[in-house]
PDB file of N, CA and C in Angstrom:
ATOM      1  N   ASN A   1    -135.419-154.665  18.489  1.00  0.00           N
ATOM      2  CA  ASN A   1    -135.832-153.284  18.535  1.00  0.00           C
ATOM      3  C   ASN A   1    -135.423-152.605  17.229  1.00  0.00           C
ATOM      4  N   VAL A   2    -136.354-152.045  16.546  1.00  0.00           N
ATOM      5  CA  VAL A   2    -136.102-151.400  15.267  1.00  0.00           C
ATOM      6  C   VAL A   2    -135.633-149.953  15.427  1.00  0.00           C
ATOM      7  N   ALA A   3    -135.845-149.354  16.576  1.00  0.00           N
ATOM      8  CA  ALA A   3    -135.562-147.930  16.759  1.00  0.00           C
ATOM      9  C   ALA A   3    -134.084-147.582  16.639  1.00  0.00           C
ATOM     10  N   VAL A   4    -133.198-148.354  17.232  1.00  0.00           N
ATOM     11  CA  VAL A   4    -131.770-148.041  17.184  1.00  0.00           C
ATOM     12  C   VAL A   4    -131.217-148.194  15.767  1.00  0.00           C
ATOM     13  N   PRO A   5    -131.482-149.301  15.056  1.00  0.00           N
ATOM     14  CA  PRO A   5    -131.015-149.368  13.665  1.00  0.00           C
ATOM     15  C   PRO A   5    -131.631-148.274  12.784  1.00  0.00           C
ATOM     16  N   LEU A   6    -132.876-147.917  13.028  1.00  0.00           N
ATOM     17  CA  LEU A   6    -133.519-146.851  12.275  1.00  0.00           C
ATOM     18  C   LEU A   6    -132.768-145.541  12.467  1.00  0.00           C
ATOM     19  N   ALA A   7    -132.512-145.173  13.710  1.00  0.00           N
ATOM     20  CA  ALA A   7    -131.837-143.919  14.015  1.00  0.00           C
ATOM     21  C   ALA A   7    -130.392-143.916  13.531  1.00  0.00           C
ATOM     22  N   ALA A   8    -129.771-145.091  13.475  1.00  0.00           N
ATOM     23  CA  ALA A   8    -128.379-145.195  13.036  1.00  0.00           C
ATOM     24  C   ALA A   8    -128.249-145.298  11.525  1.00  0.00           C
ATOM     25  N   GLY A   9    -129.379-145.324  10.817  1.00  0.00           N
ATOM     26  CA  GLY A   9    -129.326-145.427   9.362  1.00  0.00           C
ATOM     27  C   GLY A   9    -128.967-146.814   8.874  1.00  0.00           C
ATOM     28  N   ARG A  10    -129.242-147.821   9.685  1.00  0.00           N
ATOM     29  CA  ARG A  10    -128.904-149.203   9.315  1.00  0.00           C
ATOM     30  C   ARG A  10    -130.137-150.057   9.052  1.00  0.00           C
ATOM     31  N   LEU A  11    -131.258-149.419   8.768  1.00  0.00           N
ATOM     32  CA  LEU A  11    -132.473-150.153   8.451  1.00  0.00           C
ATOM     33  C   LEU A  11    -132.631-150.133   6.935  1.00  0.00           C
ATOM     34  N   PRO A  12    -132.487-151.296   6.277  1.00  0.00           N
ATOM     35  CA  PRO A  12    -132.517-151.340   4.823  1.00  0.00           C
ATOM     36  C   PRO A  12    -133.791-150.716   4.242  1.00  0.00           C
ATOM     37  N   GLY A  13    -133.584-149.867   3.241  1.00  0.00           N
ATOM     38  CA  GLY A  13    -134.703-149.265   2.532  1.00  0.00           C
ATOM     39  C   GLY A  13    -135.295-148.040   3.196  1.00  0.00           C
ATOM     40  N   VAL A  14    -134.723-147.624   4.335  1.00  0.00           N
ATOM     41  CA  VAL A  14    -135.265-146.470   5.064  1.00  0.00           C
ATOM     42  C   VAL A  14    -134.158-145.435   5.243  1.00  0.00           C
ATOM     43  N   THR A  15    -134.478-144.193   4.932  1.00  0.00           N
ATOM     44  CA  THR A  15    -133.544-143.097   5.133  1.00  0.00           C
ATOM     45  C   THR A  15    -134.142-142.128   6.141  1.00  0.00           C
ATOM     46  N   VAL A  16    -133.337-141.741   7.115  1.00  0.00           N
ATOM     47  CA  VAL A  16    -133.782-140.824   8.159  1.00  0.00           C
ATOM     48  C   VAL A  16    -132.817-139.634   8.187  1.00  0.00           C
ATOM     49  N   ASP A  17    -133.374-138.430   8.180  1.00  0.00           N
ATOM     50  CA  ASP A  17    -132.569-137.216   8.286  1.00  0.00           C
ATOM     51  C   ASP A  17    -132.601-136.739   9.729  1.00  0.00           C
ATOM     52  N   LEU A  18    -131.696-137.275  10.536  1.00  0.00           N
ATOM     53  CA  LEU A  18    -131.678-136.900  11.955  1.00  0.00           C
ATOM     54  C   LEU A  18    -131.298-135.445  12.160  1.00  0.00           C
ATOM     55  N   ASP A  19    -130.540-134.865  11.227  1.00  0.00           N
ATOM     56  CA  ASP A  19    -130.174-133.458  11.367  1.00  0.00           C
ATOM     57  C   ASP A  19    -131.411-132.568  11.444  1.00  0.00           C
ATOM     58  N   ALA A  20    -132.458-132.952  10.737  1.00  0.00           N
ATOM     59  CA  ALA A  20    -133.689-132.161  10.741  1.00  0.00           C
ATOM     60  C   ALA A  20    -134.493-132.352  12.023  1.00  0.00           C
ATOM     61  N   VAL A  21    -134.220-133.436  12.741  1.00  0.00           N
ATOM     62  CA  VAL A  21    -135.005-133.759  13.933  1.00  0.00           C
ATOM     63  C   VAL A  21    -134.246-133.430  15.216  1.00  0.00           C
ATOM     64  N   VAL A  22    -133.040-133.947  15.325  1.00  0.00           N
ATOM     65  CA  VAL A  22    -132.211-133.753  16.512  1.00  0.00           C
ATOM     66  C   VAL A  22    -130.790-133.425  16.043  1.00  0.00           C
ATOM     67  N   PRO A  23    -130.433-132.144  16.016  1.00  0.00           N
ATOM     68  CA  PRO A  23    -129.076-131.784  15.597  1.00  0.00           C
ATOM     69  C   PRO A  23    -128.015-132.407  16.500  1.00  0.00           C
ATOM     70  N   VAL A  24    -126.850-132.659  15.942  1.00  0.00           N
ATOM     71  CA  VAL A  24    -125.734-133.232  16.695  1.00  0.00           C
ATOM     72  C   VAL A  24    -125.253-132.218  17.737  1.00  0.00           C
ATOM     73  N   SER A  25    -124.835-132.730  18.885  1.00  0.00           N
ATOM     74  CA  SER A  25    -124.252-131.886  19.925  1.00  0.00           C
ATOM     75  C   SER A  25    -123.146-132.659  20.622  1.00  0.00           C
ATOM     76  N   ASP A  26    -122.084-131.948  20.955  1.00  0.00           N
ATOM     77  CA  ASP A  26    -121.005-132.549  21.748  1.00  0.00           C
ATOM     78  C   ASP A  26    -121.386-132.634  23.221  1.00  0.00           C
ATOM     79  N   ASP A  27    -122.398-131.893  23.607  1.00  0.00           N
ATOM     80  CA  ASP A  27    -122.847-131.830  24.999  1.00  0.00           C
ATOM     81  C   ASP A  27    -123.987-132.828  25.207  1.00  0.00           C
ATOM     82  N   VAL A  28    -123.751-133.848  26.017  1.00  0.00           N
ATOM     83  CA  VAL A  28    -124.745-134.903  26.239  1.00  0.00           C
ATOM     84  C   VAL A  28    -126.031-134.338  26.842  1.00  0.00           C
ATOM     85  N   ASP A  29    -125.922-133.369  27.721  1.00  0.00           N
ATOM     86  CA  ASP A  29    -127.125-132.780  28.324  1.00  0.00           C
ATOM     87  C   ASP A  29    -127.985-132.087  27.273  1.00  0.00           C
ATOM     88  N   VAL A  30    -127.346-131.392  26.349  1.00  0.00           N
ATOM     89  CA  VAL A  30    -128.076-130.732  25.257  1.00  0.00           C
ATOM     90  C   VAL A  30    -128.721-131.785  24.371  1.00  0.00           C
ATOM     91  N   LEU A  31    -127.987-132.839  24.067  1.00  0.00           N
ATOM     92  CA  LEU A  31    -128.518-133.927  23.236  1.00  0.00           C
ATOM     93  C   LEU A  31    -129.760-134.548  23.875  1.00  0.00           C
ATOM     94  N   ILE A  32    -129.681-134.867  25.151  1.00  0.00           N
ATOM     95  CA  ILE A  32    -130.813-135.486  25.842  1.00  0.00           C
ATOM     96  C   ILE A  32    -132.005-134.534  25.876  1.00  0.00           C
ATOM     97  N   ASP A  33    -131.742-133.261  26.094  1.00  0.00           N
ATOM     98  CA  ASP A  33    -132.818-132.273  26.093  1.00  0.00           C
ATOM     99  C   ASP A  33    -133.495-132.206  24.717  1.00  0.00           C
ATOM    100  N   ARG A  34    -132.700-132.247  23.652  1.00  0.00           N
ATOM    101  CA  ARG A  34    -133.263-132.209  22.296  1.00  0.00           C
ATOM    102  C   ARG A  34    -134.114-133.449  22.014  1.00  0.00           C
ATOM    103  N   VAL A  35    -133.625-134.611  22.410  1.00  0.00           N
ATOM    104  CA  VAL A  35    -134.397-135.846  22.217  1.00  0.00           C
ATOM    105  C   VAL A  35    -135.694-135.759  23.017  1.00  0.00           C
ATOM    106  N   ASP A  36    -135.594-135.295  24.242  1.00  0.00           N
ATOM    107  CA  ASP A  36    -136.770-135.175  25.108  1.00  0.00           C
ATOM    108  C   ASP A  36    -137.801-134.226  24.499  1.00  0.00           C
ATOM    109  N   ARG A  37    -137.382-133.039  24.117  1.00  0.00           N
ATOM    110  CA  ARG A  37    -138.325-132.041  23.597  1.00  0.00           C
ATOM    111  C   ARG A  37    -138.886-132.434  22.227  1.00  0.00           C
ATOM    112  N   THR A  38    -138.015-132.933  21.347  1.00  0.00           N
ATOM    113  CA  THR A  38    -138.432-133.206  19.968  1.00  0.00           C
ATOM    114  C   THR A  38    -139.242-134.489  19.831  1.00  0.00           C
ATOM    115  N   LEU A  39    -138.785-135.557  20.451  1.00  0.00           N
ATOM    116  CA  LEU A  39    -139.430-136.858  20.264  1.00  0.00           C
ATOM    117  C   LEU A  39    -140.461-137.190  21.335  1.00  0.00           C
ATOM    118  N   LEU A  40    -140.272-136.641  22.528  1.00  0.00           N
ATOM    119  CA  LEU A  40    -141.123-137.034  23.655  1.00  0.00           C
ATOM    120  C   LEU A  40    -141.940-135.875  24.209  1.00  0.00           C
ATOM    121  N   SER A  41    -141.910-134.742  23.537  1.00  0.00           N
ATOM    122  CA  SER A  41    -142.669-133.557  23.966  1.00  0.00           C
ATOM    123  C   SER A  41    -142.439-133.218  25.434  1.00  0.00           C
ATOM    124  N   GLY A  42    -141.211-133.410  25.883  1.00  0.00           N
ATOM    125  CA  GLY A  42    -140.867-133.100  27.271  1.00  0.00           C
ATOM    126  C   GLY A  42    -141.288-134.162  28.263  1.00  0.00           C
ATOM    127  N   GLY A  43    -141.680-135.331  27.782  1.00  0.00           N
ATOM    128  CA  GLY A  43    -142.184-136.378  28.662  1.00  0.00           C
ATOM    129  C   GLY A  43    -141.185-137.459  29.032  1.00  0.00           C
ATOM    130  N   MET A  44    -139.890-137.200  28.845  1.00  0.00           N
ATOM    131  CA  MET A  44    -138.895-138.224  29.181  1.00  0.00           C
ATOM    132  C   MET A  44    -138.870-138.442  30.693  1.00  0.00           C
ATOM    133  N   SER A  45    -138.900-139.683  31.088  1.00  0.00           N
ATOM    134  CA  SER A  45    -138.903-140.032  32.508  1.00  0.00           C
ATOM    135  C   SER A  45    -137.536-139.752  33.132  1.00  0.00           C
ATOM    136  N   PRO A  46    -137.504-139.553  34.431  1.00  0.00           N
ATOM    137  CA  PRO A  46    -136.226-139.393  35.123  1.00  0.00           C
ATOM    138  C   PRO A  46    -135.306-140.602  34.904  1.00  0.00           C
ATOM    139  N   HIS A  47    -135.894-141.778  34.834  1.00  0.00           N
ATOM    140  CA  HIS A  47    -135.094-142.984  34.598  1.00  0.00           C
ATOM    141  C   HIS A  47    -134.379-142.905  33.251  1.00  0.00           C
ATOM    142  N   ALA A  48    -135.096-142.531  32.200  1.00  0.00           N
ATOM    143  CA  ALA A  48    -134.486-142.406  30.868  1.00  0.00           C
ATOM    144  C   ALA A  48    -133.427-141.310  30.862  1.00  0.00           C
ATOM    145  N   LYS A  49    -133.696-140.213  31.566  1.00  0.00           N
ATOM    146  CA  LYS A  49    -132.715-139.118  31.637  1.00  0.00           C
ATOM    147  C   LYS A  49    -131.450-139.540  32.367  1.00  0.00           C
ATOM    148  N   ASP A  50    -131.537-140.584  33.140  1.00  0.00           N
ATOM    149  CA  ASP A  50    -130.375-141.135  33.829  1.00  0.00           C
ATOM    150  C   ASP A  50    -129.669-142.179  32.977  1.00  0.00           C
ATOM    151  N   VAL A  51    -130.444-143.050  32.339  1.00  0.00           N
ATOM    152  CA  VAL A  51    -129.879-144.178  31.596  1.00  0.00           C
ATOM    153  C   VAL A  51    -129.261-143.766  30.258  1.00  0.00           C
ATOM    154  N   ILE A  52    -129.961-142.975  29.476  1.00  0.00           N
ATOM    155  CA  ILE A  52    -129.485-142.647  28.126  1.00  0.00           C
ATOM    156  C   ILE A  52    -128.120-141.952  28.154  1.00  0.00           C
ATOM    157  N   PRO A  53    -127.886-140.966  29.000  1.00  0.00           N
ATOM    158  CA  PRO A  53    -126.549-140.357  29.014  1.00  0.00           C
ATOM    159  C   PRO A  53    -125.433-141.354  29.333  1.00  0.00           C
ATOM    160  N   ARG A  54    -125.716-142.309  30.190  1.00  0.00           N
ATOM    161  CA  ARG A  54    -124.703-143.323  30.506  1.00  0.00           C
ATOM    162  C   ARG A  54    -124.432-144.212  29.304  1.00  0.00           C
ATOM    163  N   GLN A  55    -125.460-144.490  28.512  1.00  0.00           N
ATOM    164  CA  GLN A  55    -125.301-145.344  27.337  1.00  0.00           C
ATOM    165  C   GLN A  55    -124.506-144.656  26.227  1.00  0.00           C
ATOM    166  N   VAL A  56    -124.639-143.338  26.111  1.00  0.00           N
ATOM    167  CA  VAL A  56    -123.969-142.618  25.015  1.00  0.00           C
ATOM    168  C   VAL A  56    -122.625-142.030  25.430  1.00  0.00           C
ATOM    169  N   ALA A  57    -122.288-142.114  26.710  1.00  0.00           N
ATOM    170  CA  ALA A  57    -121.028-141.541  27.205  1.00  0.00           C
ATOM    171  C   ALA A  57    -119.837-142.113  26.445  1.00  0.00           C
ATOM    172  N   GLY A  58    -118.984-141.225  25.994  1.00  0.00           N
ATOM    173  CA  GLY A  58    -117.761-141.638  25.320  1.00  0.00           C
ATOM    174  C   GLY A  58    -117.900-141.932  23.836  1.00  0.00           C
ATOM    175  N   LEU A  59    -119.117-141.914  23.321  1.00  0.00           N
ATOM    176  CA  LEU A  59    -119.316-142.153  21.890  1.00  0.00           C
ATOM    177  C   LEU A  59    -119.076-140.869  21.107  1.00  0.00           C
ATOM    178  N   PRO A  60    -118.625-140.995  19.855  1.00  0.00           N
ATOM    179  CA  PRO A  60    -118.535-139.804  19.009  1.00  0.00           C
ATOM    180  C   PRO A  60    -119.927-139.181  18.855  1.00  0.00           C
ATOM    181  N   PRO A  61    -120.009-137.862  18.646  1.00  0.00           N
ATOM    182  CA  PRO A  61    -121.307-137.171  18.627  1.00  0.00           C
ATOM    183  C   PRO A  61    -122.364-137.777  17.699  1.00  0.00           C
ATOM    184  N   PHE A  62    -121.995-138.178  16.483  1.00  0.00           N
ATOM    185  CA  PHE A  62    -122.999-138.729  15.567  1.00  0.00           C
ATOM    186  C   PHE A  62    -123.525-140.073  16.061  1.00  0.00           C
ATOM    187  N   GLU A  63    -122.643-140.897  16.621  1.00  0.00           N
ATOM    188  CA  GLU A  63    -123.070-142.181  17.181  1.00  0.00           C
ATOM    189  C   GLU A  63    -123.912-141.979  18.444  1.00  0.00           C
ATOM    190  N   ALA A  64    -123.508-141.021  19.269  1.00  0.00           N
ATOM    191  CA  ALA A  64    -124.257-140.728  20.495  1.00  0.00           C
ATOM    192  C   ALA A  64    -125.670-140.268  20.145  1.00  0.00           C
ATOM    193  N   ARG A  65    -125.781-139.414  19.123  1.00  0.00           N
ATOM    194  CA  ARG A  65    -127.104-138.942  18.725  1.00  0.00           C
ATOM    195  C   ARG A  65    -127.962-140.095  18.230  1.00  0.00           C
ATOM    196  N   ALA A  66    -127.411-140.949  17.382  1.00  0.00           N
ATOM    197  CA  ALA A  66    -128.181-142.069  16.847  1.00  0.00           C
ATOM    198  C   ALA A  66    -128.656-142.986  17.970  1.00  0.00           C
ATOM    199  N   LEU A  67    -127.784-143.287  18.920  1.00  0.00           N
ATOM    200  CA  LEU A  67    -128.172-144.163  20.023  1.00  0.00           C
ATOM    201  C   LEU A  67    -129.204-143.484  20.926  1.00  0.00           C
ATOM    202  N   ALA A  68    -129.000-142.203  21.219  1.00  0.00           N
ATOM    203  CA  ALA A  68    -129.960-141.483  22.074  1.00  0.00           C
ATOM    204  C   ALA A  68    -131.331-141.424  21.422  1.00  0.00           C
ATOM    205  N   VAL A  69    -131.380-141.154  20.118  1.00  0.00           N
ATOM    206  CA  VAL A  69    -132.661-141.122  19.401  1.00  0.00           C
ATOM    207  C   VAL A  69    -133.284-142.516  19.394  1.00  0.00           C
ATOM    208  N   GLY A  70    -132.472-143.525  19.114  1.00  0.00           N
ATOM    209  CA  GLY A  70    -132.982-144.895  19.094  1.00  0.00           C
ATOM    210  C   GLY A  70    -133.530-145.327  20.440  1.00  0.00           C
ATOM    211  N   LEU A  71    -132.815-144.996  21.489  1.00  0.00           N
ATOM    212  CA  LEU A  71    -133.301-145.349  22.833  1.00  0.00           C
ATOM    213  C   LEU A  71    -134.547-144.538  23.195  1.00  0.00           C
ATOM    214  N   GLY A  72    -134.586-143.296  22.765  1.00  0.00           N
ATOM    215  CA  GLY A  72    -135.772-142.479  23.016  1.00  0.00           C
ATOM    216  C   GLY A  72    -137.003-143.036  22.308  1.00  0.00           C
ATOM    217  N   LEU A  73    -136.824-143.420  21.037  1.00  0.00           N
ATOM    218  CA  LEU A  73    -137.939-143.992  20.275  1.00  0.00           C
ATOM    219  C   LEU A  73    -138.332-145.385  20.764  1.00  0.00           C
ATOM    220  N   GLY A  74    -137.349-146.151  21.186  1.00  0.00           N
ATOM    221  CA  GLY A  74    -137.620-147.531  21.579  1.00  0.00           C
ATOM    222  C   GLY A  74    -138.018-147.696  23.025  1.00  0.00           C
ATOM    223  N   GLY A  75    -137.907-146.630  23.807  1.00  0.00           N
ATOM    224  CA  GLY A  75    -138.208-146.713  25.221  1.00  0.00           C
ATOM    225  C   GLY A  75    -139.687-146.550  25.536  1.00  0.00           C
ATOM    226  N   PRO A  76    -140.049-146.864  26.749  1.00  0.00           N
ATOM    227  CA  PRO A  76    -141.463-146.785  27.144  1.00  0.00           C
ATOM    228  C   PRO A  76    -142.025-145.372  27.120  1.00  0.00           C
ATOM    229  N   ASP A  77    -141.181-144.350  27.285  1.00  0.00           N
ATOM    230  CA  ASP A  77    -141.696-142.982  27.284  1.00  0.00           C
ATOM    231  C   ASP A  77    -142.322-142.633  25.935  1.00  0.00           C
ATOM    232  N   PHE A  78    -141.710-143.080  24.844  1.00  0.00           N
ATOM    233  CA  PHE A  78    -142.244-142.837  23.517  1.00  0.00           C
ATOM    234  C   PHE A  78    -143.458-143.734  23.252  1.00  0.00           C
ATOM    235  N   GLN A  79    -143.365-144.964  23.701  1.00  0.00           N
ATOM    236  CA  GLN A  79    -144.446-145.920  23.452  1.00  0.00           C
ATOM    237  C   GLN A  79    -145.752-145.491  24.126  1.00  0.00           C
ATOM    238  N   ILE A  80    -145.644-144.832  25.266  1.00  0.00           N
ATOM    239  CA  ILE A  80    -146.834-144.361  25.987  1.00  0.00           C
ATOM    240  C   ILE A  80    -147.570-143.308  25.176  1.00  0.00           C
ATOM    241  N   GLN A  81    -146.813-142.444  24.479  1.00  0.00           N
ATOM    242  CA  GLN A  81    -147.425-141.365  23.703  1.00  0.00           C
ATOM    243  C   GLN A  81    -148.160-141.953  22.541  1.00  0.00           C
TER     244      GLN A  81
END
């Protein structure tokens, strides 16, 4: 999956400004809402809204954002669009 390395800035030769797309938040609910609205136009499935917060729980905010964006981009909700 290329989405998680892309969002984490670990894809060689590619630079992504996540601050311009999904600002960092200490609040996981705010983060998920931002990913949903910005990347999925409000189309995030209930399943993704359940899974992504569990995956980012306990991570520092910048890492949580990168993983949430990567999972949002790499998940079926984004692929459908």
